C-alpha atoms as a PDB file:
ATOM      1  CA  MET A   1     218.707 -34.246   0.735  1.00  0.00           C
ATOM      2  CA  VAL A   2     215.619 -36.073  -0.480  1.00  0.00           C
ATOM      3  CA  GLN A   3     216.207 -39.388  -2.238  1.00  0.00           C
ATOM      4  CA  VAL A   4     215.184 -39.585  -5.882  1.00  0.00           C
ATOM      5  CA  PRO A   5     212.185 -41.945  -6.275  1.00  0.00           C
ATOM      6  CA  VAL A   6     213.071 -45.331  -7.728  1.00  0.00           C
ATOM      7  CA  VAL A   7     209.898 -45.675  -9.833  1.00  0.00           C
ATOM      8  CA  ARG A   8     210.299 -43.795 -13.100  1.00  0.00           C
ATOM      9  CA  HIS A   9     207.878 -45.685 -15.304  1.00  0.00           C
ATOM     10  CA  ILE A  10     204.471 -47.236 -14.608  1.00  0.00           C
ATOM     11  CA  ASN A  11     203.334 -50.106 -16.827  1.00  0.00           C
ATOM     12  CA  ARG A  12     199.712 -51.056 -17.455  1.00  0.00           C
ATOM     13  CA  SER A  13     200.483 -54.528 -16.140  1.00  0.00           C
ATOM     14  CA  SER A  14     201.524 -53.153 -12.751  1.00  0.00           C
ATOM     15  CA  ILE A  15     198.045 -51.695 -12.166  1.00  0.00           C
ATOM     16  CA  SER A  16     195.823 -54.443 -13.555  1.00  0.00           C
ATOM     17  CA  GLU A  17     192.864 -53.464 -11.341  1.00  0.00           C
ATOM     18  CA  ALA A  18     192.689 -49.973 -12.917  1.00  0.00           C
ATOM     19  CA  PRO A  19     190.017 -49.226 -15.557  1.00  0.00           C
ATOM     20  CA  ASP A  20     190.932 -49.408 -19.266  1.00  0.00           C
ATOM     21  CA  TRP A  21     191.075 -45.619 -19.684  1.00  0.00           C
ATOM     22  CA  ILE A  22     194.213 -45.532 -17.497  1.00  0.00           C
ATOM     23  CA  VAL A  23     196.376 -46.245 -20.555  1.00  0.00           C
ATOM     24  CA  LYS A  24     195.449 -42.782 -21.886  1.00  0.00           C
ATOM     25  CA  ILE A  25     197.094 -41.044 -18.942  1.00  0.00           C
ATOM     26  CA  LEU A  26     200.069 -43.366 -18.425  1.00  0.00           C
ATOM     27  CA  ARG A  27     202.106 -41.934 -21.307  1.00  0.00           C
ATOM     28  CA  PRO A  28     202.015 -38.266 -20.181  1.00  0.00           C
ATOM     29  CA  LEU A  29     202.449 -39.371 -16.564  1.00  0.00           C
ATOM     30  CA  ASN A  30     205.511 -41.458 -17.467  1.00  0.00           C
ATOM     31  CA  LEU A  31     207.005 -38.621 -19.525  1.00  0.00           C
ATOM     32  CA  THR A  32     206.613 -36.282 -16.555  1.00  0.00           C
ATOM     33  CA  ASN A  33     208.080 -38.860 -14.164  1.00  0.00           C
ATOM     34  CA  GLU A  34     211.116 -39.355 -16.418  1.00  0.00           C
ATOM     35  CA  ALA A  35     211.760 -35.600 -16.639  1.00  0.00           C
ATOM     36  CA  LEU A  36     211.298 -35.166 -12.896  1.00  0.00           C
ATOM     37  CA  HIS A  37     213.622 -38.053 -12.120  1.00  0.00           C
ATOM     38  CA  PHE A  38     216.240 -36.614 -14.487  1.00  0.00           C
ATOM     39  CA  ALA A  39     215.998 -33.186 -12.804  1.00  0.00           C
ATOM     40  CA  LEU A  40     216.110 -34.524  -9.255  1.00  0.00           C
ATOM     41  CA  ALA A  41     219.104 -36.713 -10.050  1.00  0.00           C
ATOM     42  CA  ASN A  42     221.181 -33.524 -10.612  1.00  0.00           C
ATOM     43  CA  ARG A  43     221.512 -33.934 -14.334  1.00  0.00           C
ATOM     44  CA  ILE A  44     220.108 -30.577 -15.400  1.00  0.00           C
ATOM     45  CA  THR A  45     222.342 -27.730 -16.440  1.00  0.00           C
ATOM     46  CA  PHE A  46     222.267 -24.096 -15.383  1.00  0.00           C
ATOM     47  CA  GLY A  47     220.953 -23.129 -18.809  1.00  0.00           C
ATOM     48  CA  GLU A  48     218.124 -25.677 -18.615  1.00  0.00           C
ATOM     49  CA  ASN A  49     217.077 -24.594 -15.151  1.00  0.00           C
ATOM     50  CA  ILE A  50     217.451 -20.807 -15.384  1.00  0.00           C
ATOM     51  CA  ALA A  51     217.054 -18.576 -18.421  1.00  0.00           C
ATOM     52  CA  ALA A  52     220.706 -17.765 -18.965  1.00  0.00           C
ATOM     53  CA  GLU A  53     223.446 -17.303 -21.510  1.00  0.00           C
ATOM     54  CA  ILE A  54     227.029 -18.352 -20.932  1.00  0.00           C
ATOM     55  CA  ARG A  55     229.574 -16.218 -22.804  1.00  0.00           C
ATOM     56  CA  ASN A  56     233.304 -16.638 -23.285  1.00  0.00           C
ATOM     57  CA  LEU A  57     235.293 -13.425 -23.641  1.00  0.00           C
ATOM     58  CA  ARG A  58     238.921 -12.904 -24.620  1.00  0.00           C
ATOM     59  CA  PHE A  59     240.541  -9.481 -24.432  1.00  0.00           C
ATOM     60  CA  THR A  60     243.782  -7.655 -23.624  1.00  0.00           C
ATOM     61  CA  THR A  61     243.960  -4.749 -21.202  1.00  0.00           C
ATOM     62  CA  SER A  62     245.625  -1.524 -22.293  1.00  0.00           C
ATOM     63  CA  SER A  63     249.080  -0.452 -21.162  1.00  0.00           C
ATOM     64  CA  THR A  64     247.465   2.293 -19.046  1.00  0.00           C
ATOM     65  CA  TYR A  65     244.688   0.165 -17.563  1.00  0.00           C
ATOM     66  CA  ILE A  66     245.765   0.573 -13.910  1.00  0.00           C
ATOM     67  CA  ALA A  67     246.952   4.191 -14.000  1.00  0.00           C
ATOM     68  CA  SER A  68     243.959   5.607 -15.844  1.00  0.00           C
ATOM     69  CA  ASP A  69     241.207   2.990 -15.448  1.00  0.00           C
ATOM     70  CA  ASP A  70     241.412   2.674 -19.226  1.00  0.00           C
ATOM     71  CA  PHE A  71     239.110  -0.195 -20.173  1.00  0.00           C
ATOM     72  CA  GLU A  72     237.575  -0.795 -23.584  1.00  0.00           C
ATOM     73  CA  THR A  73     233.851  -1.486 -23.168  1.00  0.00           C
ATOM     74  CA  ILE A  74     232.738  -4.985 -24.176  1.00  0.00           C
ATOM     75  CA  THR A  75     229.271  -5.102 -25.753  1.00  0.00           C
ATOM     76  CA  PHE A  76     226.960  -7.876 -26.889  1.00  0.00           C
ATOM     77  CA  ASN A  77     223.240  -8.287 -27.519  1.00  0.00           C
ATOM     78  CA  ASN A  78     220.855  -9.573 -24.891  1.00  0.00           C
ATOM     79  CA  VAL A  79     219.392 -12.715 -26.499  1.00  0.00           C
ATOM     80  CA  LEU A  80     217.244 -13.725 -23.519  1.00  0.00           C
ATOM     81  CA  GLY A  81     214.142 -11.807 -24.595  1.00  0.00           C
ATOM     82  CA  THR A  82     213.700  -9.814 -21.386  1.00  0.00           C
ATOM     83  CA  LYS A  83     215.744  -7.444 -19.235  1.00  0.00           C
ATOM     84  CA  VAL A  84     218.810  -9.058 -17.673  1.00  0.00           C
ATOM     85  CA  LEU A  85     218.920  -9.428 -13.890  1.00  0.00           C
ATOM     86  CA  ASP A  86     222.659  -9.987 -13.480  1.00  0.00           C
ATOM     87  CA  VAL A  87     225.967 -10.644 -15.179  1.00  0.00           C
ATOM     88  CA  ARG A  88     228.326 -12.832 -13.144  1.00  0.00           C
ATOM     89  CA  ILE A  89     231.915 -13.903 -13.599  1.00  0.00           C
ATOM     90  CA  ALA A  90     232.079 -17.695 -13.593  1.00  0.00           C
ATOM     91  CA  LYS A  91     235.773 -18.112 -14.406  1.00  0.00           C
ATOM     92  CA  TYR A  92     238.750 -16.040 -15.485  1.00  0.00           C
ATOM     93  CA  ASP A  93     242.366 -16.710 -16.413  1.00  0.00           C
ATOM     94  CA  ILE A  94     245.440 -14.985 -17.748  1.00  0.00           C
ATOM     95  CA  VAL A  95     246.388 -16.192 -21.232  1.00  0.00           C
ATOM     96  CA  ALA A  96     250.109 -16.925 -20.925  1.00  0.00           C
ATOM     97  CA  ASP A  97     252.678 -19.675 -21.356  1.00  0.00           C
ATOM     98  CA  ASN A  98     253.619 -19.369 -17.688  1.00  0.00           C
ATOM     99  CA  TYR A  99     250.476 -19.721 -15.605  1.00  0.00           C
ATOM    100  CA  ALA A 100     250.185 -17.134 -12.855  1.00  0.00           C
ATOM    101  CA  PRO A 101     247.121 -16.879 -10.639  1.00  0.00           C
ATOM    102  CA  ILE A 102     245.203 -13.616 -10.457  1.00  0.00           C
ATOM    103  CA  THR A 103     245.771 -12.468  -6.891  1.00  0.00           C
ATOM    104  CA  LYS A 104     243.464  -9.444  -6.711  1.00  0.00           C
ATOM    105  CA  ALA A 105     239.697  -9.412  -6.337  1.00  0.00           C
ATOM    106  CA  VAL A 106     238.049  -9.217  -9.754  1.00  0.00           C
ATOM    107  CA  SER A 107     234.648  -7.661 -10.354  1.00  0.00           C
ATOM    108  CA  LEU A 108     232.794  -6.177 -13.280  1.00  0.00           C
ATOM    109  CA  ALA A 109     230.562  -3.175 -13.824  1.00  0.00           C
ATOM    110  CA  TRP A 110     227.847  -3.604 -16.440  1.00  0.00           C
ATOM    111  CA  ARG A 111     224.566  -2.149 -17.611  1.00  0.00           C
ATOM    112  CA  GLU A 112     221.954  -2.868 -20.243  1.00  0.00           C
ATOM    113  CA  LEU A 113     220.875  -0.243 -22.759  1.00  0.00           C
ATOM    114  CA  ASP A 114     218.353  -1.045 -25.500  1.00  0.00           C
ATOM    115  CA  SER A 115     218.915  -4.819 -25.176  1.00  0.00           C
ATOM    116  CA  VAL A 116     222.703  -4.426 -25.398  1.00  0.00           C
ATOM    117  CA  ILE A 117     224.821  -5.582 -22.455  1.00  0.00           C
ATOM    118  CA  ARG A 118     227.769  -3.266 -21.825  1.00  0.00           C
ATOM    119  CA  ILE A 119     230.616  -4.432 -19.604  1.00  0.00           C
ATOM    120  CA  GLU A 120     232.096  -1.037 -18.860  1.00  0.00           C
ATOM    121  CA  HIS A 121     234.871  -2.000 -16.484  1.00  0.00           C
ATOM    122  CA  ILE A 122     236.515  -5.046 -14.952  1.00  0.00           C
ATOM    123  CA  ALA A 123     238.456  -4.272 -11.774  1.00  0.00           C
ATOM    124  CA  GLY A 124     241.456  -6.210 -10.499  1.00  0.00           C
ATOM    125  CA  LEU A 125     243.332  -6.796 -13.751  1.00  0.00           C
ATOM    126  CA  ALA A 126     246.877  -5.892 -14.806  1.00  0.00           C
ATOM    127  CA  ASP A 127     248.226  -3.679 -17.615  1.00  0.00           C
ATOM    128  CA  SER A 128     248.863  -5.167 -21.078  1.00  0.00           C
ATOM    129  CA  THR A 129     247.626  -8.622 -20.149  1.00  0.00           C
ATOM    130  CA  GLU A 130     245.449 -11.006 -22.142  1.00  0.00           C
ATOM    131  CA  TYR A 131     242.552 -12.635 -20.281  1.00  0.00           C
ATOM    132  CA  THR A 132     239.796 -15.147 -20.877  1.00  0.00           C
ATOM    133  CA  PHE A 133     236.551 -14.754 -18.967  1.00  0.00           C
ATOM    134  CA  THR A 134     233.479 -16.944 -18.797  1.00  0.00           C
ATOM    135  CA  ILE A 135     230.441 -14.965 -17.703  1.00  0.00           C
ATOM    136  CA  ILE A 136     226.840 -15.930 -17.010  1.00  0.00           C
ATOM    137  CA  VAL A 137     224.111 -13.544 -18.078  1.00  0.00           C
ATOM    138  CA  TYR A 138     220.731 -14.394 -16.563  1.00  0.00           C
ATOM    139  CA  ILE A 139     217.237 -13.099 -15.984  1.00  0.00           C
END
């Protein structure tokens, strides 16, 4: 990995041989250097780097979820201003007093219609169980 440059700010006094007009470009240059240093030092978030929305969902599956693939569609508006590329599961848990890991593969089926995201099925869940999901919607 490339090392982050040490110099983040250039003062007029450090380039005394430069012409007087240099002060007019130092401010925008220093602002850019600060932002670049911040980004390269791994302090940017997913949302700052990629047009994305992080959503937290909480729902309970039906008592016939496994036997009949009975899943109530989850809908929400696309607030990103352009068609969504993907919806990913970032994290999921069972809401219960006794923690139990989810042991099956979990995936979701979604589509976008008229700027509305529709999660039409989530595979790998159990009947009559409450879940929390964190999903990332991005373009």
